[in-house]
Amino acid sequence: MKVINFGSLCIDNVYQVPYFVKPGETLPCTDYQQHPGGKGLNQSLALAKAGAKVWHAGKVGKEGEWLKELLTKAGVDTRLTEIVSVPSGHANIQVTPDGQNAIVLFGGANRSITVDDVDTVLAHGEKDDYLLVQNEISCMPEVLEHAKSRGLKIAFNAAPITERVLDYPLDTVDIFIVNEVEGEALSGESEPERIIETLLKLYPASAITLTLGEQGVIYADQDRTIHQDGYVVNATDTTGAGDTFTGYFLAELLRQEDISSCLITACKAAAICVTRPGAATSIPERQELCLVGEEGDLGGDQKAD
């Protein structure tokens, strides 16, 4: 059993700023770093570090070939990762002193996925495999439809959320992984309980995993609802927390762990992630999760999910 992660690869340009830049303002940054990124790449790394068998499918420009090499070194199967002549996707990320972030994304090679690419990638799917997708590549409706027709289990991290997502064939999704902003956009509701209730009515065959920042995460399907608190840590950069959670949560599902255990493990991984700068570079190894006790022992005053 494996995860095919059909997702983005990006180069993250990270700028430390005193506050988010305002319209018309030129704001000097206090530091600059370049990191590997893209929600697809981050989640493949998280899956691999969590011990899952993961194949990354996607495209990256020639100047971003080092991203593919990074995945391979981490244990990700990159046979479906193609080097193309289109410029790599990249993100410009502002990070404030309290660890909050604002991101401008350029799709680049990630937006050059074709229907033929979709068929080529999904031909490698087998019974009981998972397909993990985000919303940073092209041909998303075809990806979802063709994956469902092949019998793959689909986990959809609906980020970044756009109006087009509402036109996707979302009834094909087995597990939604969304935060409050994404959940509100999909459901039209702002309260977590109402978001869950509405999404389960819209997609009764799906499970909903709703991350709630410092309040932790709620998992719900037609049979149960489970809330897991976040862990208190000193957060320095929240950029990769959601991707870390997604990768670890799905990896635990593949290990056939119960949902409560999956949520605990994923929350612990995300808690460690936010104490470090960057996105891909902040994802912890599985053995590091012992650093987080049941009440959280990394210290600090902010919870992470």
Protein backbone atom coordinates (compact mmCIF):
# COMPACT_ATOMS: atom_id res chain seq x y z
CA MET A 1 0.00 0.00 0.00
CA LYS A 2 1.38 3.41 -0.98
CA VAL A 3 0.47 7.06 -1.32
CA ILE A 4 0.73 8.72 -4.72
CA ASN A 5 1.09 12.40 -3.93
CA PHE A 6 0.23 14.29 -7.11
CA GLY A 7 1.40 17.68 -6.01
CA SER A 8 3.50 20.79 -6.30
CA LEU A 9 7.22 21.43 -5.96
CA CYS A 10 8.26 24.99 -5.19
CA ILE A 11 11.19 27.14 -4.23
CA ASP A 12 10.29 29.15 -1.12
CA ASN A 13 11.76 32.63 -0.75
CA VAL A 14 11.27 33.52 2.92
CA TYR A 15 11.46 37.10 4.15
CA GLN A 16 11.50 37.97 7.87
CA VAL A 17 9.44 41.15 8.31
CA PRO A 18 8.30 43.20 11.34
CA TYR A 19 4.72 43.06 9.99
CA PHE A 20 2.97 42.17 6.73
CA VAL A 21 3.64 44.73 4.01
CA LYS A 22 0.80 47.17 3.36
CA PRO A 23 -0.52 48.25 -0.08
CA GLY A 24 1.84 50.79 -1.66
CA GLU A 25 4.49 50.22 0.99
CA THR A 26 8.13 49.20 0.49
CA LEU A 27 9.16 47.25 3.59
CA PRO A 28 12.78 46.23 4.26
CA CYS A 29 13.09 42.67 5.54
CA THR A 30 15.35 41.73 8.44
CA ASP A 31 16.47 38.39 6.94
CA TYR A 32 16.11 36.28 3.80
CA GLN A 33 16.39 32.53 3.26
CA GLN A 34 15.59 30.11 0.43
CA HIS A 35 13.96 26.78 1.23
CA PRO A 36 12.42 23.87 -0.67
CA GLY A 37 8.64 24.03 -0.59
CA GLY A 38 5.32 23.55 -2.25
CA LYS A 39 2.53 21.83 -0.38
CA GLY A 40 3.05 18.71 -2.46
CA LEU A 41 6.77 18.46 -1.72
CA ASN A 42 6.25 19.24 1.96
CA GLN A 43 3.60 16.56 2.34
CA SER A 44 5.68 13.95 0.51
CA LEU A 45 8.57 14.68 2.88
CA ALA A 46 6.25 14.42 5.88
CA LEU A 47 4.87 11.12 4.63
CA ALA A 48 8.38 9.73 4.09
CA LYS A 49 9.63 10.93 7.48
CA ALA A 50 6.56 9.37 9.09
CA GLY A 51 7.52 6.04 7.52
CA ALA A 52 4.99 5.82 4.68
CA LYS A 53 5.69 4.49 1.20
CA VAL A 54 5.15 7.55 -1.00
CA TRP A 55 5.56 8.30 -4.69
CA HIS A 56 5.69 11.97 -5.66
CA ALA A 57 4.16 12.87 -9.02
CA GLY A 58 4.58 16.33 -10.50
CA LYS A 59 6.74 18.68 -12.53
CA VAL A 60 9.59 21.03 -11.73
CA GLY A 61 11.78 23.33 -13.84
CA LYS A 62 15.43 22.62 -14.56
CA GLU A 63 16.56 25.19 -11.99
CA GLY A 64 14.57 23.29 -9.38
CA GLU A 65 16.05 19.84 -10.05
CA TRP A 66 17.52 19.96 -6.55
CA LEU A 67 13.96 19.64 -5.20
CA LYS A 68 13.62 16.23 -6.84
CA GLU A 69 17.01 15.23 -5.47
CA LEU A 70 15.89 16.29 -1.99
CA LEU A 71 12.81 14.07 -2.20
CA THR A 72 14.82 11.11 -3.44
CA LYS A 73 17.34 11.49 -0.62
CA ALA A 74 14.48 11.53 1.90
CA GLY A 75 13.20 8.19 0.62
CA VAL A 76 10.44 9.41 -1.68
CA ASP A 77 10.03 7.53 -4.96
CA THR A 78 10.42 10.21 -7.65
CA ARG A 79 9.98 8.13 -10.80
CA LEU A 80 6.85 10.20 -11.57
CA THR A 81 8.55 13.58 -10.93
CA GLU A 82 9.37 15.17 -14.29
CA ILE A 83 11.99 17.84 -15.05
CA VAL A 84 10.56 20.28 -17.63
CA SER A 85 11.56 23.48 -19.41
CA VAL A 86 8.85 25.55 -17.68
CA PRO A 87 10.14 27.63 -14.72
CA SER A 88 9.69 26.03 -11.31
CA GLY A 89 6.90 27.14 -9.08
CA HIS A 90 7.96 29.43 -6.27
CA ALA A 91 6.53 31.27 -3.27
CA ASN A 92 7.38 34.59 -1.65
CA ILE A 93 6.67 34.21 2.06
CA GLN A 94 6.52 36.96 4.67
CA VAL A 95 7.09 35.78 8.25
CA THR A 96 6.44 38.07 11.24
CA PRO A 97 8.20 37.88 14.65
CA ASP A 98 5.26 35.95 16.15
CA GLY A 99 5.55 33.24 13.48
CA GLN A 100 2.57 34.18 11.29
CA ASN A 101 2.99 34.04 7.52
CA ALA A 102 1.57 35.52 4.31
CA ILE A 103 2.32 33.84 0.99
CA VAL A 104 2.27 34.83 -2.71
CA LEU A 105 2.49 31.77 -4.96
CA PHE A 106 3.65 31.40 -8.59
CA GLY A 107 2.48 28.09 -10.05
CA GLY A 108 5.07 27.64 -12.81
CA ALA A 109 5.69 24.00 -13.78
CA ASN A 110 3.05 22.89 -11.29
CA ARG A 111 0.42 24.42 -13.55
CA SER A 112 1.63 22.56 -16.65
CA ILE A 113 0.06 19.22 -15.73
CA THR A 114 -2.01 17.82 -18.64
CA VAL A 115 -4.74 15.18 -18.87
CA ASP A 116 -2.19 12.82 -20.44
CA ASP A 117 0.03 13.37 -17.38
CA VAL A 118 -2.92 12.49 -15.15
CA ASP A 119 -3.50 9.19 -16.95
CA THR A 120 0.21 8.34 -16.89
CA VAL A 121 0.51 8.94 -13.17
CA LEU A 122 -2.69 7.22 -12.08
CA ALA A 123 -1.87 4.13 -14.14
CA HIS A 124 0.60 3.36 -11.35
CA GLY A 125 -2.15 3.25 -8.72
CA GLU A 126 -3.15 -0.10 -7.24
CA LYS A 127 -6.01 -1.32 -5.07
CA ASP A 128 -5.94 0.21 -1.56
CA ASP A 129 -3.48 2.93 -2.60
CA TYR A 130 -4.19 6.51 -1.57
CA LEU A 131 -4.02 9.51 -3.86
CA LEU A 132 -3.11 12.69 -2.01
CA VAL A 133 -3.77 16.01 -3.73
CA GLN A 134 -3.71 19.69 -2.84
CA ASN A 135 -4.80 22.63 -4.99
CA GLU A 136 -1.49 23.77 -6.49
CA ILE A 137 -1.46 21.83 -9.77
CA SER A 138 -3.52 22.04 -12.96
CA CYS A 139 -6.13 19.49 -14.13
CA MET A 140 -7.52 18.96 -10.65
CA PRO A 141 -11.03 17.89 -11.80
CA GLU A 142 -9.49 15.25 -14.06
CA VAL A 143 -7.18 14.06 -11.30
CA LEU A 144 -10.11 13.51 -8.93
CA GLU A 145 -12.40 11.92 -11.51
CA HIS A 146 -9.79 9.56 -12.96
CA ALA A 147 -8.54 8.53 -9.52
CA LYS A 148 -12.04 7.65 -8.38
CA SER A 149 -12.68 5.65 -11.57
CA ARG A 150 -9.54 3.63 -10.80
CA GLY A 151 -10.71 2.89 -7.27
CA LEU A 152 -8.06 4.91 -5.43
CA LYS A 153 -8.82 6.40 -2.02
CA ILE A 154 -8.60 10.19 -2.30
CA ALA A 155 -7.34 12.55 0.39
CA PHE A 156 -7.80 16.20 -0.57
CA ASN A 157 -6.04 19.01 1.26
CA ALA A 158 -8.09 21.89 -0.17
CA ALA A 159 -5.30 24.46 -0.06
CA PRO A 160 -4.89 27.04 -1.27
CA ILE A 161 -8.65 27.51 -1.43
CA THR A 162 -10.08 29.21 -4.53
CA GLU A 163 -13.56 29.65 -5.98
CA ARG A 164 -12.76 26.99 -8.60
CA VAL A 165 -12.56 24.32 -5.89
CA LEU A 166 -16.34 24.46 -5.51
CA ASP A 167 -16.64 23.28 -9.13
CA TYR A 168 -14.39 20.25 -8.58
CA PRO A 169 -16.08 16.82 -8.35
CA LEU A 170 -15.72 16.86 -4.55
CA ASP A 171 -18.04 13.89 -4.10
CA THR A 172 -15.07 11.76 -5.19
CA VAL A 173 -13.10 12.71 -2.06
CA ASP A 174 -12.77 10.16 0.75
CA ILE A 175 -11.01 12.44 3.26
CA PHE A 176 -11.07 16.23 3.33
CA ILE A 177 -8.20 17.87 5.22
CA VAL A 178 -8.98 21.57 5.67
CA ASN A 179 -8.38 24.45 8.04
CA GLU A 180 -11.07 26.88 9.21
CA VAL A 181 -10.67 29.24 6.23
CA GLU A 182 -10.91 26.38 3.73
CA GLY A 183 -13.75 24.76 5.66
CA GLU A 184 -15.73 28.00 5.61
CA ALA A 185 -15.19 28.42 1.86
CA LEU A 186 -16.44 24.86 1.21
CA SER A 187 -19.38 24.95 3.59
CA GLY A 188 -20.44 28.61 3.83
CA GLU A 189 -20.27 28.29 7.63
CA SER A 190 -17.81 29.88 10.06
CA GLU A 191 -18.32 27.89 13.27
CA PRO A 192 -16.35 24.62 13.40
CA GLU A 193 -19.35 22.51 14.39
CA ARG A 194 -21.42 23.98 11.56
CA ILE A 195 -18.58 23.50 9.09
CA ILE A 196 -18.38 19.82 10.02
CA GLU A 197 -22.16 19.35 9.97
CA THR A 198 -22.58 21.02 6.58
CA LEU A 199 -19.70 19.22 4.90
CA LEU A 200 -20.96 15.85 6.11
CA LYS A 201 -24.38 16.66 4.63
CA LEU A 202 -22.84 17.76 1.33
CA TYR A 203 -20.45 14.80 1.15
CA PRO A 204 -21.95 12.01 3.27
CA ALA A 205 -19.47 9.40 2.05
CA SER A 206 -16.48 11.52 3.10
CA ALA A 207 -14.57 12.05 6.33
CA ILE A 208 -13.70 15.59 7.44
CA THR A 209 -10.48 16.58 9.20
CA LEU A 210 -10.75 20.22 10.32
CA THR A 211 -7.63 21.83 11.80
CA LEU A 212 -8.32 24.66 14.26
CA GLY A 213 -5.02 26.33 15.00
CA GLU A 214 -4.41 26.56 18.75
CA GLN A 215 -7.66 24.66 19.38
CA GLY A 216 -6.29 21.49 17.77
CA VAL A 217 -8.22 19.42 15.23
CA ILE A 218 -11.62 17.77 14.75
CA TYR A 219 -12.14 14.56 12.77
CA ALA A 220 -15.68 13.57 11.82
CA ASP A 221 -17.48 11.05 9.66
CA GLN A 222 -21.02 9.65 9.76
CA ASP A 223 -20.20 7.44 12.75
CA ARG A 224 -18.05 9.57 15.07
CA THR A 225 -16.57 12.92 15.95
CA ILE A 226 -13.16 13.17 17.63
CA HIS A 227 -11.47 16.31 18.96
CA GLN A 228 -7.73 16.41 19.62
CA ASP A 229 -6.17 19.38 21.42
CA GLY A 230 -3.07 21.04 20.08
CA TYR A 231 0.27 21.05 21.92
CA VAL A 232 1.72 24.17 23.56
CA VAL A 233 5.05 25.23 22.03
CA ASN A 234 7.15 28.29 21.27
CA ALA A 235 6.12 28.88 17.65
CA THR A 236 8.65 30.64 15.42
CA ASP A 237 7.25 29.84 11.94
CA THR A 238 3.90 28.17 11.19
CA THR A 239 4.53 27.82 7.44
CA GLY A 240 4.79 24.02 7.21
CA ALA A 241 2.52 22.99 10.09
CA GLY A 242 -0.49 22.03 7.98
CA ASP A 243 1.61 20.02 5.54
CA THR A 244 3.36 18.22 8.37
CA PHE A 245 0.00 17.38 9.95
CA THR A 246 -1.39 16.11 6.63
CA GLY A 247 1.60 13.86 5.89
CA TYR A 248 1.77 12.34 9.35
CA PHE A 249 -1.99 11.89 9.63
CA LEU A 250 -2.20 10.02 6.33
CA ALA A 251 0.91 7.97 7.10
CA GLU A 252 -0.71 6.83 10.35
CA LEU A 253 -3.88 5.86 8.49
CA LEU A 254 -1.80 3.65 6.22
CA ARG A 255 -0.34 2.00 9.30
CA GLN A 256 -3.97 1.14 10.15
CA GLU A 257 -3.82 3.07 13.40
CA ASP A 258 -7.09 4.19 14.99
CA ILE A 259 -8.15 7.76 14.24
CA SER A 260 -7.39 9.08 17.72
CA SER A 261 -3.81 7.82 17.51
CA CYS A 262 -3.47 9.31 14.02
CA LEU A 263 -4.55 12.73 15.29
CA ILE A 264 -2.23 12.62 18.29
CA THR A 265 0.80 11.69 16.19
CA ALA A 266 0.03 14.31 13.53
CA CYS A 267 -0.46 17.04 16.13
CA LYS A 268 2.83 16.18 17.81
CA ALA A 269 4.65 16.38 14.47
CA ALA A 270 3.06 19.75 13.69
CA ALA A 271 4.00 21.04 17.14
CA ILE A 272 7.67 20.33 16.52
CA CYS A 273 7.44 21.80 13.01
CA VAL A 274 6.35 25.27 14.15
CA THR A 275 9.34 25.62 16.46
CA ARG A 276 11.65 25.69 13.43
CA PRO A 277 12.06 28.07 10.48
CA GLY A 278 11.02 27.15 6.96
CA ALA A 279 8.53 24.61 5.66
CA ALA A 280 10.16 21.45 4.25
CA THR A 281 13.20 21.99 6.47
CA SER A 282 11.09 22.10 9.62
CA ILE A 283 9.36 18.70 9.25
CA PRO A 284 10.50 16.37 12.06
CA GLU A 285 11.71 12.80 11.80
CA ARG A 286 9.37 10.24 13.35
CA GLN A 287 11.75 9.47 16.23
CA GLU A 288 11.62 13.13 17.30
CA LEU A 289 7.96 12.88 18.30
CA CYS A 290 9.03 11.56 21.69
CA LEU A 291 10.07 15.15 22.45
CA VAL A 292 6.38 16.05 22.83
CA GLY A 293 4.72 14.68 25.96
CA GLU A 294 1.00 14.18 26.44
CA GLU A 295 0.68 17.74 27.74
CA GLY A 296 3.36 19.14 25.43
CA ASP A 297 6.84 19.65 26.87
CA LEU A 298 8.55 21.77 24.24
CA GLY A 299 7.64 24.84 26.30
CA GLY A 300 6.03 28.07 25.15
CA ASP A 301 2.68 29.71 24.83
CA GLN A 302 1.19 28.80 21.44
CA LYS A 303 -0.53 25.62 20.39
CA ALA A 304 0.03 23.96 17.02
CA ASP A 305 -2.08 21.60 14.98
